[in-house]
Amino acid sequence: MYIAKDWQDYEVMDTGNGEKLERWGDIILRRPDPQIIWPIQKEDNQWRDVHGHYHRSSSGGGEWEMKKPLPERWTISYDKLKFHIKPTNFKHTGLFPEQAANWRWMMDKIAGAGRPISVLNLFAYTGGASVAAASAGASVVHVDAAKGMVQWAKENLQLSGLGDRPVRFITDDVFKFVQREQRRGNKYDAIIMDPPSYGRGPGGEMWKLETSLYPFLESCMSILSDKPLFLLINSYTTGISPTVLNNMLSMTMKTRFGGRISSGELGLPITRSGLHLPCGILGRWEE
């Protein structure tokens, strides 16, 4: 398991009964997590003294119960990177802290490359990986179909003091963008992707990770440079094994470029129990 263990501003304080208790800077939130199928060992005041508690609805979705005054948004830091945090209607906060394990890895890869590195971040959300890559000296193209998420990513880059770095923010369907890059002959030294389980393109195109990911990965081969540095796939799709990502990367990246593949779970340390919370999977190819 790849553990994001060097956070100062974020902490999984405790877990149990399908929920996690988290500290985001000075703000304490209580949110559901389907992986947590064990009981709360001690539901004390720590669990009750929270700023916000997200309750799932039996009919789907859910809503926040705000128990203490909460700013509209606030800032947390990871290393020298800074991010705006804001509770959304879908229980999310605009950041997945477990991804810090990937940020650290890619920052080290880029900084140690000894050459200019161009990074393409697909399904890029609020730009955690884009900010990390830019901070390490890469030029970055950030692509996401949601205009609001792209704007949030721009703000995170500015917040981190990296507004002068060569980062292009593009609001577009990632599949169409990759096809255009193929026609233009543009190449990248590294690709990051965090594809959804399900989705629809602007023309009604259906994305289902189980049937769409491999052909999409294959299509990305043609926009890699002759000497790529890395390719990273993240997935939060239930039921997909890290070995699946390993096999896909073996059939594409390793066949074409050689290199090394690693895969596994992402996780976060749980302070009270000393256990680790699984938070999705990853597959990495590196030169």
Protein backbone atom coordinates (compact mmCIF):
# COMPACT_ATOMS: atom_id res chain seq x y z
CA MET A 1 0.00 0.00 0.00
CA TYR A 2 1.22 3.49 -0.89
CA ILE A 3 0.61 5.58 2.25
CA ALA A 4 0.24 9.37 2.21
CA LYS A 5 1.86 9.68 5.63
CA ASP A 6 3.58 13.07 5.61
CA TRP A 7 0.57 15.38 5.92
CA GLN A 8 0.57 18.10 8.59
CA ASP A 9 -2.73 19.83 7.71
CA TYR A 10 -4.80 16.69 7.15
CA GLU A 11 -5.51 13.70 9.39
CA VAL A 12 -7.86 10.72 9.52
CA MET A 13 -8.52 10.88 13.24
CA ASP A 14 -10.73 7.79 13.54
CA THR A 15 -13.00 5.48 11.54
CA GLY A 16 -15.94 3.14 12.05
CA ASN A 17 -19.57 2.35 11.18
CA GLY A 18 -19.11 3.47 7.59
CA GLU A 19 -17.69 6.89 8.51
CA LYS A 20 -14.37 8.67 8.86
CA LEU A 21 -13.51 11.51 11.18
CA GLU A 22 -11.12 13.94 9.49
CA ARG A 23 -9.16 17.06 10.36
CA TRP A 24 -8.71 19.53 7.50
CA GLY A 25 -6.50 22.19 9.02
CA ASP A 26 -8.55 23.36 12.01
CA ILE A 27 -11.84 22.04 10.62
CA ILE A 28 -13.22 18.65 11.71
CA LEU A 29 -15.53 16.82 9.29
CA ARG A 30 -17.40 13.53 9.58
CA ARG A 31 -18.03 11.84 6.23
CA PRO A 32 -19.23 8.44 4.98
CA ASP A 33 -16.82 5.94 3.45
CA PRO A 34 -18.09 2.61 2.04
CA GLN A 35 -14.78 0.83 2.79
CA ILE A 36 -15.22 1.27 6.54
CA ILE A 37 -17.20 -1.83 7.47
CA TRP A 38 -15.78 -2.15 10.99
CA PRO A 39 -17.36 -0.57 14.12
CA ILE A 40 -16.33 2.61 15.89
CA GLN A 41 -14.26 1.47 18.84
CA LYS A 42 -15.10 4.49 20.99
CA GLU A 43 -17.71 7.03 19.85
CA ASP A 44 -16.74 9.81 22.22
CA ASN A 45 -16.86 13.61 22.12
CA GLN A 46 -14.22 13.59 19.40
CA TRP A 47 -16.86 12.14 17.06
CA ARG A 48 -19.58 14.53 18.19
CA ASP A 49 -17.57 17.78 18.35
CA VAL A 50 -17.37 18.34 14.58
CA HIS A 51 -17.91 21.30 12.26
CA GLY A 52 -19.83 19.35 9.65
CA HIS A 53 -21.39 15.88 9.30
CA TYR A 54 -22.41 14.54 5.90
CA HIS A 55 -25.46 12.25 6.06
CA ARG A 56 -26.23 9.88 3.23
CA SER A 57 -29.86 9.67 2.09
CA SER A 58 -31.53 6.27 1.67
CA SER A 59 -32.79 7.51 -1.72
CA GLY A 60 -29.28 8.45 -2.89
CA GLY A 61 -27.10 11.50 -2.40
CA GLY A 62 -27.15 13.23 0.95
CA GLU A 63 -26.61 16.55 2.70
CA TRP A 64 -24.34 18.33 5.15
CA GLU A 65 -25.40 19.03 8.71
CA MET A 66 -23.32 22.00 9.82
CA LYS A 67 -22.84 21.87 13.58
CA LYS A 68 -20.42 24.81 13.93
CA PRO A 69 -19.85 27.96 11.87
CA LEU A 70 -17.80 27.02 8.83
CA PRO A 71 -16.00 29.33 6.37
CA GLU A 72 -17.19 29.10 2.78
CA ARG A 73 -13.75 27.70 2.01
CA TRP A 74 -10.37 27.49 3.70
CA THR A 75 -6.78 26.59 2.86
CA ILE A 76 -4.61 23.61 3.75
CA SER A 77 -0.97 22.97 2.84
CA TYR A 78 1.02 19.94 1.76
CA ASP A 79 4.73 20.67 1.70
CA LYS A 80 4.82 24.00 -0.22
CA LEU A 81 1.56 23.29 -2.06
CA LYS A 82 -1.66 24.99 -0.99
CA PHE A 83 -5.26 24.03 -1.74
CA HIS A 84 -8.70 25.53 -1.23
CA ILE A 85 -11.05 23.18 0.65
CA LYS A 86 -14.82 23.48 0.41
CA PRO A 87 -17.54 20.95 1.33
CA THR A 88 -19.58 20.14 -1.80
CA ASN A 89 -23.05 18.70 -2.24
CA PHE A 90 -21.56 15.32 -3.09
CA LYS A 91 -19.69 14.91 0.27
CA HIS A 92 -16.35 15.78 -1.38
CA THR A 93 -14.11 18.67 -0.31
CA GLY A 94 -12.20 19.34 -3.53
CA LEU A 95 -9.15 17.27 -2.60
CA PHE A 96 -8.26 13.60 -2.18
CA PRO A 97 -5.48 13.63 0.46
CA GLU A 98 -4.31 10.09 -0.31
CA GLN A 99 -3.08 11.40 -3.67
CA ALA A 100 -0.20 13.05 -1.81
CA ALA A 101 1.59 9.71 -2.17
CA ASN A 102 1.42 10.19 -5.94
CA TRP A 103 2.34 13.88 -5.76
CA ARG A 104 5.51 13.08 -3.85
CA TRP A 105 6.45 10.35 -6.31
CA MET A 106 5.91 12.49 -9.42
CA MET A 107 7.66 15.51 -7.89
CA ASP A 108 10.72 13.36 -7.24
CA LYS A 109 10.59 11.89 -10.76
CA ILE A 110 10.32 15.30 -12.43
CA ALA A 111 12.96 16.98 -10.26
CA GLY A 112 15.37 14.12 -10.85
CA ALA A 113 14.84 13.81 -14.60
CA GLY A 114 17.64 16.21 -15.52
CA ARG A 115 15.67 17.47 -18.53
CA PRO A 116 12.55 19.53 -19.26
CA ILE A 117 9.41 17.47 -18.65
CA SER A 118 5.95 18.09 -20.16
CA VAL A 119 3.01 16.60 -18.26
CA LEU A 120 -0.56 15.98 -19.42
CA ASN A 121 -3.08 15.66 -16.57
CA LEU A 122 -6.39 14.14 -17.73
CA PHE A 123 -9.64 14.08 -15.71
CA ALA A 124 -7.61 16.58 -13.69
CA TYR A 125 -10.28 17.71 -11.15
CA THR A 126 -9.05 20.57 -8.90
CA GLY A 127 -5.45 20.14 -9.94
CA GLY A 128 -3.61 18.50 -7.06
CA ALA A 129 -1.33 16.64 -9.48
CA SER A 130 -1.04 19.67 -11.78
CA VAL A 131 0.15 21.87 -8.92
CA ALA A 132 2.58 19.19 -7.72
CA ALA A 133 4.05 18.68 -11.21
CA ALA A 134 4.38 22.44 -11.80
CA SER A 135 6.09 22.90 -8.44
CA ALA A 136 8.71 20.32 -9.46
CA GLY A 137 9.50 22.26 -12.65
CA ALA A 138 7.33 20.56 -15.30
CA SER A 139 5.23 22.30 -17.92
CA VAL A 140 1.66 21.08 -17.50
CA VAL A 141 -1.51 20.79 -19.59
CA HIS A 142 -4.51 20.33 -17.27
CA VAL A 143 -7.71 18.98 -18.88
CA ASP A 144 -11.12 18.48 -17.26
CA ALA A 145 -14.64 18.69 -18.65
CA ALA A 146 -16.03 20.58 -15.63
CA LYS A 147 -15.52 24.35 -15.89
CA GLY A 148 -15.90 24.84 -12.13
CA MET A 149 -13.18 22.29 -11.35
CA VAL A 150 -10.79 23.91 -13.83
CA GLN A 151 -11.35 27.29 -12.19
CA TRP A 152 -10.71 25.73 -8.76
CA ALA A 153 -7.44 24.26 -10.10
CA LYS A 154 -6.35 27.68 -11.38
CA GLU A 155 -6.95 29.11 -7.91
CA ASN A 156 -4.92 26.31 -6.30
CA LEU A 157 -1.98 27.06 -8.61
CA GLN A 158 -2.10 30.77 -7.70
CA LEU A 159 -2.54 29.93 -4.02
CA SER A 160 0.66 27.85 -4.17
CA GLY A 161 2.59 30.81 -5.59
CA LEU A 162 3.02 29.07 -8.94
CA GLY A 163 0.95 31.37 -11.14
CA ASP A 164 3.95 32.14 -13.34
CA ARG A 165 4.64 28.47 -14.17
CA PRO A 166 3.87 27.10 -17.68
CA VAL A 167 0.48 25.54 -16.98
CA ARG A 168 -2.36 25.49 -19.55
CA PHE A 169 -5.88 24.94 -18.20
CA ILE A 170 -8.32 23.45 -20.70
CA THR A 171 -12.03 22.78 -20.19
CA ASP A 172 -12.79 20.00 -22.64
CA ASP A 173 -13.80 16.40 -23.09
CA VAL A 174 -10.56 14.47 -22.51
CA PHE A 175 -11.18 11.98 -25.32
CA LYS A 176 -11.69 14.67 -27.91
CA PHE A 177 -8.67 16.55 -26.57
CA VAL A 178 -6.42 13.49 -26.93
CA GLN A 179 -7.69 12.95 -30.49
CA ARG A 180 -6.85 16.56 -31.37
CA GLU A 181 -3.40 16.24 -29.85
CA GLN A 182 -2.84 13.17 -32.01
CA ARG A 183 -3.72 15.15 -35.13
CA ARG A 184 -1.54 18.07 -34.04
CA GLY A 185 1.42 15.79 -33.35
CA ASN A 186 1.85 17.10 -29.79
CA LYS A 187 3.80 14.89 -27.40
CA TYR A 188 4.16 14.60 -23.61
CA ASP A 189 6.82 13.09 -21.38
CA ALA A 190 4.33 12.08 -18.69
CA ILE A 191 0.59 11.41 -18.53
CA ILE A 192 -1.58 11.33 -15.42
CA MET A 193 -5.18 10.10 -15.59
CA ASP A 194 -7.90 9.67 -12.97
CA PRO A 195 -10.84 8.34 -15.00
CA PRO A 196 -14.35 8.05 -13.56
CA SER A 197 -16.27 4.80 -13.21
CA TYR A 198 -19.05 6.11 -15.45
CA GLY A 199 -19.58 9.20 -17.52
CA ARG A 200 -21.01 10.74 -20.65
CA GLY A 201 -19.24 12.90 -23.19
CA PRO A 202 -20.72 16.11 -24.62
CA GLY A 203 -22.15 14.15 -27.55
CA GLY A 204 -23.72 11.53 -25.30
CA GLU A 205 -20.74 9.17 -25.61
CA MET A 206 -20.83 6.57 -22.86
CA TRP A 207 -17.75 5.96 -20.70
CA LYS A 208 -17.62 2.83 -18.58
CA LEU A 209 -14.22 2.20 -17.05
CA GLU A 210 -14.31 -1.57 -17.56
CA THR A 211 -14.78 -1.28 -21.32
CA SER A 212 -13.35 2.19 -22.08
CA LEU A 213 -10.11 2.44 -20.11
CA TYR A 214 -7.94 0.09 -22.18
CA PRO A 215 -8.75 1.62 -25.60
CA PHE A 216 -8.29 5.09 -24.11
CA LEU A 217 -4.93 4.09 -22.66
CA GLU A 218 -3.92 2.73 -26.06
CA SER A 219 -4.92 6.01 -27.72
CA CYS A 220 -2.62 7.89 -25.32
CA MET A 221 0.42 5.94 -26.54
CA SER A 222 0.58 8.07 -29.68
CA ILE A 223 0.94 11.34 -27.73
CA LEU A 224 3.87 10.18 -25.60
CA SER A 225 7.36 11.40 -26.41
CA ASP A 226 10.05 8.98 -27.58
CA LYS A 227 11.47 8.94 -24.06
CA PRO A 228 8.56 9.17 -21.60
CA LEU A 229 9.24 9.63 -17.89
CA PHE A 230 6.10 8.12 -16.35
CA LEU A 231 2.43 7.27 -16.77
CA LEU A 232 0.09 7.15 -13.78
CA ILE A 233 -3.45 5.75 -13.61
CA ASN A 234 -5.63 6.31 -10.54
CA SER A 235 -8.94 4.53 -10.03
CA TYR A 236 -11.68 4.63 -7.42
CA THR A 237 -13.88 2.14 -9.28
CA THR A 238 -15.15 -0.55 -6.92
CA GLY A 239 -14.09 -4.07 -7.81
CA ILE A 240 -11.09 -3.18 -9.98
CA SER A 241 -7.88 -4.79 -8.76
CA PRO A 242 -4.48 -3.08 -8.90
CA THR A 243 -3.36 -6.09 -10.94
CA VAL A 244 -5.78 -5.03 -13.67
CA LEU A 245 -3.95 -1.70 -14.01
CA ASN A 246 -0.63 -3.56 -13.87
CA ASN A 247 -1.71 -5.83 -16.73
CA MET A 248 -2.93 -2.92 -18.86
CA LEU A 249 0.33 -1.04 -18.40
CA SER A 250 2.30 -4.21 -19.23
CA MET A 251 0.39 -4.62 -22.49
CA THR A 252 0.85 -0.97 -23.50
CA MET A 253 3.70 0.93 -21.85
CA LYS A 254 6.04 -1.94 -21.01
CA THR A 255 5.60 -3.57 -24.44
CA ARG A 256 6.50 -0.33 -26.18
CA PHE A 257 8.99 1.34 -23.83
CA GLY A 258 10.28 -1.33 -21.43
CA GLY A 259 10.67 0.32 -18.04
CA ARG A 260 9.14 -0.69 -14.74
CA ILE A 261 5.57 -1.10 -13.51
CA SER A 262 4.21 -0.94 -9.97
CA SER A 263 0.64 -1.08 -8.72
CA GLY A 264 -1.26 -1.24 -5.47
CA GLU A 265 -3.65 0.49 -3.11
CA LEU A 266 -3.48 4.07 -1.94
CA GLY A 267 -4.02 4.59 1.76
CA LEU A 268 -4.11 6.99 4.68
CA PRO A 269 -2.98 6.36 8.27
CA ILE A 270 -5.70 6.32 10.92
CA THR A 271 -4.42 8.11 14.02
CA ARG A 272 -6.46 6.47 16.78
CA SER A 273 -6.20 2.83 15.67
CA GLY A 274 -2.85 2.87 13.91
CA LEU A 275 -4.48 1.08 10.97
CA HIS A 276 -4.61 2.22 7.34
CA LEU A 277 -7.67 3.31 5.37
CA PRO A 278 -7.70 2.04 1.74
CA CYS A 279 -8.49 4.85 -0.70
CA GLY A 280 -8.50 3.57 -4.28
CA ILE A 281 -5.80 2.02 -6.44
CA LEU A 282 -3.00 3.08 -8.74
CA GLY A 283 -0.86 1.76 -11.58
CA ARG A 284 2.49 3.42 -12.35
CA TRP A 285 4.84 2.98 -15.29
CA GLU A 286 8.24 4.65 -15.10
CA GLU A 287 11.30 4.68 -17.34
